[in-house]
């Protein structure tokens, strides 16, 4: 892989607006790199999760903590059954992934999980109970954890309820389960709040890094563009930590500078 071109392409995604094309990148570099070279970069080989990890691993190792790390997964991440590369303590996702099979899979591998469950999920207070009730029918105080058994899951979990107020003033309830039964309700929710980072990730990829702004039509070039956007997200996150600014504030700062440069150039053209 051409690391120099990856660096240029990801910087282009990070700093650009509108469609991110090979021609625009070449023009931005004054023709220093041809658009054909950019196209070859995107279409010659496959850049996958292993490639991404190889590039970001040295930086992750510098900042990772020995305990308390969380693995947060969503639709953009493919499950990988065999790996010892990542150090994490908790696995979190949304209700789409909160099946009994997924929970058991994680638990058997010595990891802890925190998943939301729907209000109609069946639970009981004992392992071999003959009668199960819906989660929302169980007596449960907010922010208090109660050890229960989910139907179809042969291990105890801590169940907690979080009541929150929506922006429109309405109330909502979030039910969470965790296989670490030593945690109380507040601790479970505090850890689970980290999952919202994945929503910020999706938003930044689309809004700041041109995830959907490439006109590529071939599967490999589309996939490699996504790879470049995720790598650009990594770089933007590193800059965000360094500058103490969120992704959108940093992007706005770049766009203001670009607008100022364009404005100055326009004035020069007008008086030429």
C-alpha atoms as a PDB file:
ATOM      1  CA  UNK A   1       0.000   0.000   0.000  1.00  0.00           C
ATOM      2  CA  UNK A   2       1.171   3.506  -0.854  1.00  0.00           C
ATOM      3  CA  UNK A   3       1.144   5.119   2.609  1.00  0.00           C
ATOM      4  CA  UNK A   4       2.000   8.567   1.246  1.00  0.00           C
ATOM      5  CA  UNK A   5      -1.017   8.468  -1.049  1.00  0.00           C
ATOM      6  CA  UNK A   6      -3.218   7.147   1.770  1.00  0.00           C
ATOM      7  CA  UNK A   7      -2.130  10.124   3.850  1.00  0.00           C
ATOM      8  CA  UNK A   8      -2.927  12.547   1.016  1.00  0.00           C
ATOM      9  CA  UNK A   9      -6.261  10.898   0.195  1.00  0.00           C
ATOM     10  CA  UNK A  10      -7.430  10.861   3.810  1.00  0.00           C
ATOM     11  CA  UNK A  11      -6.355  14.498   4.256  1.00  0.00           C
ATOM     12  CA  UNK A  12      -8.347  15.325   1.119  1.00  0.00           C
ATOM     13  CA  UNK A  13     -11.427  13.641   2.572  1.00  0.00           C
ATOM     14  CA  UNK A  14     -10.916  15.440   5.883  1.00  0.00           C
ATOM     15  CA  UNK A  15     -10.417  18.916   4.434  1.00  0.00           C
ATOM     16  CA  UNK A  16     -12.677  18.771   1.385  1.00  0.00           C
ATOM     17  CA  UNK A  17     -16.343  19.431   0.699  1.00  0.00           C
ATOM     18  CA  UNK A  18     -18.800  18.138  -1.860  1.00  0.00           C
ATOM     19  CA  UNK A  19     -17.851  15.239  -4.109  1.00  0.00           C
ATOM     20  CA  UNK A  20     -14.437  13.705  -3.381  1.00  0.00           C
ATOM     21  CA  UNK A  21     -13.068  12.763  -6.802  1.00  0.00           C
ATOM     22  CA  UNK A  22      -9.616  11.784  -8.026  1.00  0.00           C
ATOM     23  CA  UNK A  23      -9.671  14.773 -10.369  1.00  0.00           C
ATOM     24  CA  UNK A  24     -10.384  17.207  -7.505  1.00  0.00           C
ATOM     25  CA  UNK A  25      -7.568  15.745  -5.417  1.00  0.00           C
ATOM     26  CA  UNK A  26      -5.135  16.027  -8.320  1.00  0.00           C
ATOM     27  CA  UNK A  27      -6.203  19.632  -8.904  1.00  0.00           C
ATOM     28  CA  UNK A  28      -5.851  20.468  -5.206  1.00  0.00           C
ATOM     29  CA  UNK A  29      -2.260  19.203  -5.380  1.00  0.00           C
ATOM     30  CA  UNK A  30      -1.544  21.285  -8.471  1.00  0.00           C
ATOM     31  CA  UNK A  31      -1.228  18.180 -10.623  1.00  0.00           C
ATOM     32  CA  UNK A  32       1.636  16.859  -8.481  1.00  0.00           C
ATOM     33  CA  UNK A  33      -0.205  13.540  -8.451  1.00  0.00           C
ATOM     34  CA  UNK A  34      -2.337  12.595 -11.436  1.00  0.00           C
ATOM     35  CA  UNK A  35      -5.961  11.570 -11.059  1.00  0.00           C
ATOM     36  CA  UNK A  36      -5.034   8.251 -12.708  1.00  0.00           C
ATOM     37  CA  UNK A  37      -2.635   7.504  -9.845  1.00  0.00           C
ATOM     38  CA  UNK A  38      -5.375   8.190  -7.321  1.00  0.00           C
ATOM     39  CA  UNK A  39      -7.732   5.912  -9.238  1.00  0.00           C
ATOM     40  CA  UNK A  40      -5.126   3.135  -9.272  1.00  0.00           C
ATOM     41  CA  UNK A  41      -4.658   3.570  -5.521  1.00  0.00           C
ATOM     42  CA  UNK A  42      -8.360   2.917  -5.010  1.00  0.00           C
ATOM     43  CA  UNK A  43      -8.683   0.064  -7.474  1.00  0.00           C
ATOM     44  CA  UNK A  44      -5.468  -1.988  -7.396  1.00  0.00           C
ATOM     45  CA  UNK A  45      -5.738  -3.865  -4.085  1.00  0.00           C
ATOM     46  CA  UNK A  46      -8.171  -4.432  -1.235  1.00  0.00           C
ATOM     47  CA  UNK A  47      -7.748  -2.459   1.985  1.00  0.00           C
ATOM     48  CA  UNK A  48      -9.512  -4.244   4.828  1.00  0.00           C
ATOM     49  CA  UNK A  49      -9.794  -4.219   8.624  1.00  0.00           C
ATOM     50  CA  UNK A  50      -6.344  -5.808   8.986  1.00  0.00           C
ATOM     51  CA  UNK A  51      -4.827  -3.025   6.884  1.00  0.00           C
ATOM     52  CA  UNK A  52      -6.589  -0.397   8.982  1.00  0.00           C
ATOM     53  CA  UNK A  53      -5.469  -1.953  12.264  1.00  0.00           C
ATOM     54  CA  UNK A  54      -1.877  -2.121  11.038  1.00  0.00           C
ATOM     55  CA  UNK A  55      -1.951   1.610  10.319  1.00  0.00           C
ATOM     56  CA  UNK A  56      -3.603   2.778  13.547  1.00  0.00           C
ATOM     57  CA  UNK A  57      -2.217   0.199  15.992  1.00  0.00           C
ATOM     58  CA  UNK A  58       0.962   2.131  16.986  1.00  0.00           C
ATOM     59  CA  UNK A  59      -1.132   5.157  17.967  1.00  0.00           C
ATOM     60  CA  UNK A  60      -3.752   3.098  19.792  1.00  0.00           C
ATOM     61  CA  UNK A  61      -1.064   1.334  21.819  1.00  0.00           C
ATOM     62  CA  UNK A  62       0.239   4.720  23.045  1.00  0.00           C
ATOM     63  CA  UNK A  63      -3.085   5.851  24.491  1.00  0.00           C
ATOM     64  CA  UNK A  64      -4.890   2.638  25.490  1.00  0.00           C
ATOM     65  CA  UNK A  65      -5.614   1.914  29.137  1.00  0.00           C
ATOM     66  CA  UNK A  66      -4.870  -1.490  30.744  1.00  0.00           C
ATOM     67  CA  UNK A  67      -8.482  -1.836  31.961  1.00  0.00           C
ATOM     68  CA  UNK A  68     -11.890  -0.364  31.246  1.00  0.00           C
ATOM     69  CA  UNK A  69     -11.739  -0.401  27.447  1.00  0.00           C
ATOM     70  CA  UNK A  70     -14.963  -0.996  25.515  1.00  0.00           C
ATOM     71  CA  UNK A  71     -15.669  -2.667  22.183  1.00  0.00           C
ATOM     72  CA  UNK A  72     -18.625  -0.933  20.558  1.00  0.00           C
ATOM     73  CA  UNK A  73     -19.978  -2.496  17.401  1.00  0.00           C
ATOM     74  CA  UNK A  74     -22.624  -1.606  14.876  1.00  0.00           C
ATOM     75  CA  UNK A  75     -23.601  -2.448  11.292  1.00  0.00           C
ATOM     76  CA  UNK A  76     -20.335  -1.116   9.837  1.00  0.00           C
ATOM     77  CA  UNK A  77     -18.204  -3.632  11.751  1.00  0.00           C
ATOM     78  CA  UNK A  78     -18.019  -7.284  10.770  1.00  0.00           C
ATOM     79  CA  UNK A  79     -17.754  -9.831  13.562  1.00  0.00           C
ATOM     80  CA  UNK A  80     -14.344 -11.513  13.803  1.00  0.00           C
ATOM     81  CA  UNK A  81     -14.388 -14.655  15.964  1.00  0.00           C
ATOM     82  CA  UNK A  82     -10.637 -15.104  16.515  1.00  0.00           C
ATOM     83  CA  UNK A  83      -8.482 -12.188  17.633  1.00  0.00           C
ATOM     84  CA  UNK A  84      -6.206 -11.325  20.526  1.00  0.00           C
ATOM     85  CA  UNK A  85      -5.174  -7.928  19.223  1.00  0.00           C
ATOM     86  CA  UNK A  86      -7.653  -5.739  21.078  1.00  0.00           C
ATOM     87  CA  UNK A  87      -7.714  -5.152  24.808  1.00  0.00           C
ATOM     88  CA  UNK A  88     -11.229  -4.394  25.956  1.00  0.00           C
ATOM     89  CA  UNK A  89     -13.377  -5.208  28.953  1.00  0.00           C
ATOM     90  CA  UNK A  90     -16.941  -4.484  27.829  1.00  0.00           C
ATOM     91  CA  UNK A  91     -18.820  -5.220  24.621  1.00  0.00           C
ATOM     92  CA  UNK A  92     -21.762  -2.963  23.775  1.00  0.00           C
ATOM     93  CA  UNK A  93     -24.215  -2.626  20.915  1.00  0.00           C
ATOM     94  CA  UNK A  94     -27.891  -1.848  20.311  1.00  0.00           C
ATOM     95  CA  UNK A  95     -30.915  -4.146  20.577  1.00  0.00           C
ATOM     96  CA  UNK A  96     -30.281  -5.505  17.069  1.00  0.00           C
ATOM     97  CA  UNK A  97     -27.369  -7.512  18.506  1.00  0.00           C
ATOM     98  CA  UNK A  98     -28.807  -8.354  21.930  1.00  0.00           C
ATOM     99  CA  UNK A  99     -29.799 -11.948  21.252  1.00  0.00           C
ATOM    100  CA  UNK A 100     -29.180 -14.662  23.835  1.00  0.00           C
ATOM    101  CA  UNK A 101     -26.752 -16.327  21.422  1.00  0.00           C
ATOM    102  CA  UNK A 102     -24.634 -13.169  21.167  1.00  0.00           C
ATOM    103  CA  UNK A 103     -24.579 -12.719  24.937  1.00  0.00           C
ATOM    104  CA  UNK A 104     -23.545 -16.329  25.490  1.00  0.00           C
ATOM    105  CA  UNK A 105     -20.834 -16.074  22.818  1.00  0.00           C
ATOM    106  CA  UNK A 106     -19.295 -13.033  24.534  1.00  0.00           C
ATOM    107  CA  UNK A 107     -19.622 -14.459  28.033  1.00  0.00           C
ATOM    108  CA  UNK A 108     -17.878 -17.719  27.099  1.00  0.00           C
ATOM    109  CA  UNK A 109     -14.903 -15.710  25.886  1.00  0.00           C
ATOM    110  CA  UNK A 110     -14.439 -14.085  29.254  1.00  0.00           C
ATOM    111  CA  UNK A 111     -15.744 -10.661  28.262  1.00  0.00           C
ATOM    112  CA  UNK A 112     -18.450  -8.527  29.820  1.00  0.00           C
ATOM    113  CA  UNK A 113     -21.395  -7.189  27.851  1.00  0.00           C
ATOM    114  CA  UNK A 114     -23.952  -4.448  28.297  1.00  0.00           C
ATOM    115  CA  UNK A 115     -26.906  -4.597  25.921  1.00  0.00           C
ATOM    116  CA  UNK A 116     -30.272  -2.864  25.814  1.00  0.00           C
ATOM    117  CA  UNK A 117     -33.293  -5.155  25.718  1.00  0.00           C
ATOM    118  CA  UNK A 118     -36.824  -4.497  24.553  1.00  0.00           C
ATOM    119  CA  UNK A 119     -39.614  -4.046  27.077  1.00  0.00           C
ATOM    120  CA  UNK A 120     -41.249  -7.322  26.012  1.00  0.00           C
ATOM    121  CA  UNK A 121     -38.115  -9.431  26.624  1.00  0.00           C
ATOM    122  CA  UNK A 122     -38.983 -12.310  28.945  1.00  0.00           C
ATOM    123  CA  UNK A 123     -37.191 -12.585  32.301  1.00  0.00           C
ATOM    124  CA  UNK A 124     -37.436 -14.517  35.583  1.00  0.00           C
ATOM    125  CA  UNK A 125     -35.855 -14.263  39.010  1.00  0.00           C
ATOM    126  CA  UNK A 126     -34.529 -17.841  39.054  1.00  0.00           C
ATOM    127  CA  UNK A 127     -32.656 -20.018  36.577  1.00  0.00           C
ATOM    128  CA  UNK A 128     -35.268 -22.759  36.291  1.00  0.00           C
ATOM    129  CA  UNK A 129     -38.395 -20.640  36.617  1.00  0.00           C
ATOM    130  CA  UNK A 130     -41.469 -21.981  34.883  1.00  0.00           C
ATOM    131  CA  UNK A 131     -43.027 -18.569  34.508  1.00  0.00           C
ATOM    132  CA  UNK A 132     -41.417 -15.609  32.771  1.00  0.00           C
ATOM    133  CA  UNK A 133     -42.684 -12.027  32.636  1.00  0.00           C
ATOM    134  CA  UNK A 134     -41.968  -9.133  30.314  1.00  0.00           C
ATOM    135  CA  UNK A 135     -39.244  -6.780  31.442  1.00  0.00           C
ATOM    136  CA  UNK A 136     -41.685  -3.873  31.732  1.00  0.00           C
ATOM    137  CA  UNK A 137     -43.916  -5.932  34.025  1.00  0.00           C
ATOM    138  CA  UNK A 138     -41.134  -6.593  36.512  1.00  0.00           C
ATOM    139  CA  UNK A 139     -40.945  -4.414  39.618  1.00  0.00           C
ATOM    140  CA  UNK A 140     -37.754  -2.465  39.058  1.00  0.00           C
ATOM    141  CA  UNK A 141     -36.722   0.873  40.517  1.00  0.00           C
ATOM    142  CA  UNK A 142     -34.832   3.255  38.201  1.00  0.00           C
ATOM    143  CA  UNK A 143     -31.025   3.036  38.441  1.00  0.00           C
ATOM    144  CA  UNK A 144     -31.208  -0.102  40.588  1.00  0.00           C
ATOM    145  CA  UNK A 145     -29.798  -3.395  39.311  1.00  0.00           C
ATOM    146  CA  UNK A 146     -31.642  -6.672  39.874  1.00  0.00           C
ATOM    147  CA  UNK A 147     -30.179 -10.081  39.070  1.00  0.00           C
ATOM    148  CA  UNK A 148     -32.465 -11.958  36.668  1.00  0.00           C
ATOM    149  CA  UNK A 149     -32.433 -14.675  34.016  1.00  0.00           C
ATOM    150  CA  UNK A 150     -33.374 -13.955  30.410  1.00  0.00           C
ATOM    151  CA  UNK A 151     -35.372 -16.652  28.707  1.00  0.00           C
ATOM    152  CA  UNK A 152     -33.022 -18.706  26.577  1.00  0.00           C
ATOM    153  CA  UNK A 153     -29.873 -17.559  28.403  1.00  0.00           C
ATOM    154  CA  UNK A 154     -28.427 -19.864  31.050  1.00  0.00           C
ATOM    155  CA  UNK A 155     -26.515 -17.280  33.058  1.00  0.00           C
ATOM    156  CA  UNK A 156     -27.525 -14.515  35.470  1.00  0.00           C
ATOM    157  CA  UNK A 157     -27.508 -10.901  34.324  1.00  0.00           C
ATOM    158  CA  UNK A 158     -27.992  -7.606  36.089  1.00  0.00           C
ATOM    159  CA  UNK A 159     -31.070  -5.795  34.799  1.00  0.00           C
ATOM    160  CA  UNK A 160     -31.461  -2.049  35.296  1.00  0.00           C
ATOM    161  CA  UNK A 161     -33.900   0.617  34.153  1.00  0.00           C
ATOM    162  CA  UNK A 162     -33.020   4.156  33.118  1.00  0.00           C
ATOM    163  CA  UNK A 163     -35.806   6.741  32.805  1.00  0.00           C
ATOM    164  CA  UNK A 164     -34.979   9.756  30.648  1.00  0.00           C
ATOM    165  CA  UNK A 165     -36.680  12.773  29.139  1.00  0.00           C
ATOM    166  CA  UNK A 166     -36.734  13.237  25.360  1.00  0.00           C
ATOM    167  CA  UNK A 167     -36.215  16.581  23.643  1.00  0.00           C
ATOM    168  CA  UNK A 168     -39.957  16.890  23.053  1.00  0.00           C
ATOM    169  CA  UNK A 169     -40.619  16.540  26.780  1.00  0.00           C
ATOM    170  CA  UNK A 170     -41.885  12.964  26.624  1.00  0.00           C
ATOM    171  CA  UNK A 171     -40.448  10.248  28.843  1.00  0.00           C
ATOM    172  CA  UNK A 172     -38.605   7.150  27.727  1.00  0.00           C
ATOM    173  CA  UNK A 173     -37.268   4.026  29.396  1.00  0.00           C
ATOM    174  CA  UNK A 174     -34.073   2.162  28.584  1.00  0.00           C
ATOM    175  CA  UNK A 175     -33.598  -1.375  29.921  1.00  0.00           C
ATOM    176  CA  UNK A 176     -30.029  -2.645  30.104  1.00  0.00           C
ATOM    177  CA  UNK A 177     -28.600  -6.071  30.960  1.00  0.00           C
ATOM    178  CA  UNK A 178     -25.023  -6.867  31.974  1.00  0.00           C
ATOM    179  CA  UNK A 179     -23.288 -10.138  32.818  1.00  0.00           C
ATOM    180  CA  UNK A 180     -21.212  -8.360  35.479  1.00  0.00           C
ATOM    181  CA  UNK A 181     -23.674  -8.744  38.357  1.00  0.00           C
ATOM    182  CA  UNK A 182     -21.396  -6.837  40.750  1.00  0.00           C
ATOM    183  CA  UNK A 183     -22.272  -3.517  39.097  1.00  0.00           C
ATOM    184  CA  UNK A 184     -25.118  -1.320  40.238  1.00  0.00           C
ATOM    185  CA  UNK A 185     -27.556   0.396  37.881  1.00  0.00           C
ATOM    186  CA  UNK A 186     -25.662   3.679  37.798  1.00  0.00           C
ATOM    187  CA  UNK A 187     -22.381   1.977  36.916  1.00  0.00           C
ATOM    188  CA  UNK A 188     -24.001  -0.038  34.135  1.00  0.00           C
ATOM    189  CA  UNK A 189     -25.526   3.053  32.552  1.00  0.00           C
ATOM    190  CA  UNK A 190     -22.319   5.086  32.940  1.00  0.00           C
ATOM    191  CA  UNK A 191     -20.392   2.456  30.988  1.00  0.00           C
ATOM    192  CA  UNK A 192     -23.118   2.032  28.372  1.00  0.00           C
ATOM    193  CA  UNK A 193     -23.133   5.766  27.619  1.00  0.00           C
ATOM    194  CA  UNK A 194     -19.829   5.210  25.831  1.00  0.00           C
ATOM    195  CA  UNK A 195     -21.825   3.464  23.101  1.00  0.00           C
ATOM    196  CA  UNK A 196     -23.131   6.806  21.882  1.00  0.00           C
ATOM    197  CA  UNK A 197     -19.673   7.402  20.452  1.00  0.00           C
ATOM    198  CA  UNK A 198     -20.612   5.064  17.609  1.00  0.00           C
ATOM    199  CA  UNK A 199     -23.480   7.386  16.645  1.00  0.00           C
ATOM    200  CA  UNK A 200     -21.031  10.313  16.609  1.00  0.00           C
ATOM    201  CA  UNK A 201     -18.763   8.169  14.457  1.00  0.00           C
ATOM    202  CA  UNK A 202     -21.469   7.570  11.845  1.00  0.00           C
ATOM    203  CA  UNK A 203     -22.444  11.241  11.815  1.00  0.00           C
ATOM    204  CA  UNK A 204     -18.882  12.468  11.403  1.00  0.00           C
ATOM    205  CA  UNK A 205     -18.099   9.958   8.658  1.00  0.00           C
ATOM    206  CA  UNK A 206     -21.039  11.212   6.610  1.00  0.00           C
ATOM    207  CA  UNK A 207     -20.911  14.929   7.424  1.00  0.00           C
ATOM    208  CA  UNK A 208     -17.185  15.636   7.752  1.00  0.00           C
ATOM    209  CA  UNK A 209     -15.344  12.965   5.791  1.00  0.00           C
ATOM    210  CA  UNK A 210     -17.294  12.437   2.575  1.00  0.00           C
ATOM    211  CA  UNK A 211     -18.258   8.813   3.192  1.00  0.00           C
ATOM    212  CA  UNK A 212     -21.100   9.103   0.673  1.00  0.00           C
ATOM    213  CA  UNK A 213     -19.425  11.713  -1.531  1.00  0.00           C
ATOM    214  CA  UNK A 214     -17.388   9.467  -3.802  1.00  0.00           C
ATOM    215  CA  UNK A 215     -18.735   8.803  -7.319  1.00  0.00           C
ATOM    216  CA  UNK A 216     -16.947   5.430  -7.482  1.00  0.00           C
ATOM    217  CA  UNK A 217     -19.079   2.677  -9.002  1.00  0.00           C
ATOM    218  CA  UNK A 218     -16.905  -0.451  -8.726  1.00  0.00           C
ATOM    219  CA  UNK A 219     -17.111  -2.478  -5.505  1.00  0.00           C
ATOM    220  CA  UNK A 220     -13.372  -2.399  -4.769  1.00  0.00           C
ATOM    221  CA  UNK A 221     -13.013   1.349  -5.259  1.00  0.00           C
ATOM    222  CA  UNK A 222     -16.140   1.958  -3.169  1.00  0.00           C
ATOM    223  CA  UNK A 223     -14.802  -0.267  -0.397  1.00  0.00           C
ATOM    224  CA  UNK A 224     -11.380   1.394  -0.474  1.00  0.00           C
ATOM    225  CA  UNK A 225     -12.983   4.832  -0.370  1.00  0.00           C
ATOM    226  CA  UNK A 226     -14.812   3.721   2.813  1.00  0.00           C
ATOM    227  CA  UNK A 227     -11.460   2.518   4.163  1.00  0.00           C
ATOM    228  CA  UNK A 228      -9.973   5.958   3.427  1.00  0.00           C
ATOM    229  CA  UNK A 229     -12.892   7.683   5.154  1.00  0.00           C
ATOM    230  CA  UNK A 230     -12.493   5.547   8.281  1.00  0.00           C
ATOM    231  CA  UNK A 231      -8.761   6.262   8.316  1.00  0.00           C
ATOM    232  CA  UNK A 232      -9.564   9.967   7.936  1.00  0.00           C
ATOM    233  CA  UNK A 233     -11.915   9.638  10.922  1.00  0.00           C
ATOM    234  CA  UNK A 234      -9.030   8.238  12.948  1.00  0.00           C
ATOM    235  CA  UNK A 235      -6.869  11.225  11.993  1.00  0.00           C
ATOM    236  CA  UNK A 236      -9.681  13.653  12.793  1.00  0.00           C
ATOM    237  CA  UNK A 237     -10.155  12.016  16.210  1.00  0.00           C
ATOM    238  CA  UNK A 238      -6.442  12.367  16.968  1.00  0.00           C
ATOM    239  CA  UNK A 239      -6.584  16.042  15.998  1.00  0.00           C
ATOM    240  CA  UNK A 240      -9.730  16.473  18.081  1.00  0.00           C
ATOM    241  CA  UNK A 241      -7.961  15.180  21.190  1.00  0.00           C
ATOM    242  CA  UNK A 242      -4.866  17.272  20.487  1.00  0.00           C
ATOM    243  CA  UNK A 243      -6.776  20.516  19.844  1.00  0.00           C
ATOM    244  CA  UNK A 244      -9.502  19.991  22.444  1.00  0.00           C
ATOM    245  CA  UNK A 245     -12.183  20.535  19.800  1.00  0.00           C
ATOM    246  CA  UNK A 246     -14.942  18.259  18.535  1.00  0.00           C
ATOM    247  CA  UNK A 247     -15.008  17.008  14.948  1.00  0.00           C
ATOM    248  CA  UNK A 248     -17.507  19.554  13.713  1.00  0.00           C
ATOM    249  CA  UNK A 249     -15.679  22.504  15.269  1.00  0.00           C
ATOM    250  CA  UNK A 250     -12.441  21.379  13.636  1.00  0.00           C
ATOM    251  CA  UNK A 251     -14.125  20.923  10.277  1.00  0.00           C
ATOM    252  CA  UNK A 252     -15.728  24.349  10.578  1.00  0.00           C
ATOM    253  CA  UNK A 253     -12.316  25.859  11.301  1.00  0.00           C
ATOM    254  CA  UNK A 254     -10.928  24.304   8.117  1.00  0.00           C
ATOM    255  CA  UNK A 255     -13.884  25.487   6.026  1.00  0.00           C
ATOM    256  CA  UNK A 256     -13.663  29.041   7.363  1.00  0.00           C
ATOM    257  CA  UNK A 257      -9.981  29.153   6.382  1.00  0.00           C
ATOM    258  CA  UNK A 258     -10.800  27.786   2.920  1.00  0.00           C
ATOM    259  CA  UNK A 259     -13.579  30.355   2.463  1.00  0.00           C
ATOM    260  CA  UNK A 260     -11.239  33.153   3.533  1.00  0.00           C
ATOM    261  CA  UNK A 261      -8.608  32.010   1.029  1.00  0.00           C
ATOM    262  CA  UNK A 262     -11.238  31.821  -1.728  1.00  0.00           C
ATOM    263  CA  UNK A 263     -12.530  35.280  -0.812  1.00  0.00           C
ATOM    264  CA  UNK A 264      -9.013  36.769  -0.965  1.00  0.00           C
ATOM    265  CA  UNK A 265      -8.361  35.116  -4.317  1.00  0.00           C
ATOM    266  CA  UNK A 266     -11.632  36.502  -5.647  1.00  0.00           C
ATOM    267  CA  UNK A 267     -10.660  40.033  -4.644  1.00  0.00           C
ATOM    268  CA  UNK A 268      -7.320  39.668  -6.396  1.00  0.00           C
ATOM    269  CA  UNK A 269      -9.013  38.397  -9.533  1.00  0.00           C
ATOM    270  CA  UNK A 270     -11.442  41.326  -9.506  1.00  0.00           C
ATOM    271  CA  UNK A 271      -8.665  43.935  -9.413  1.00  0.00           C
ATOM    272  CA  UNK A 272      -6.289  42.155 -11.791  1.00  0.00           C
END
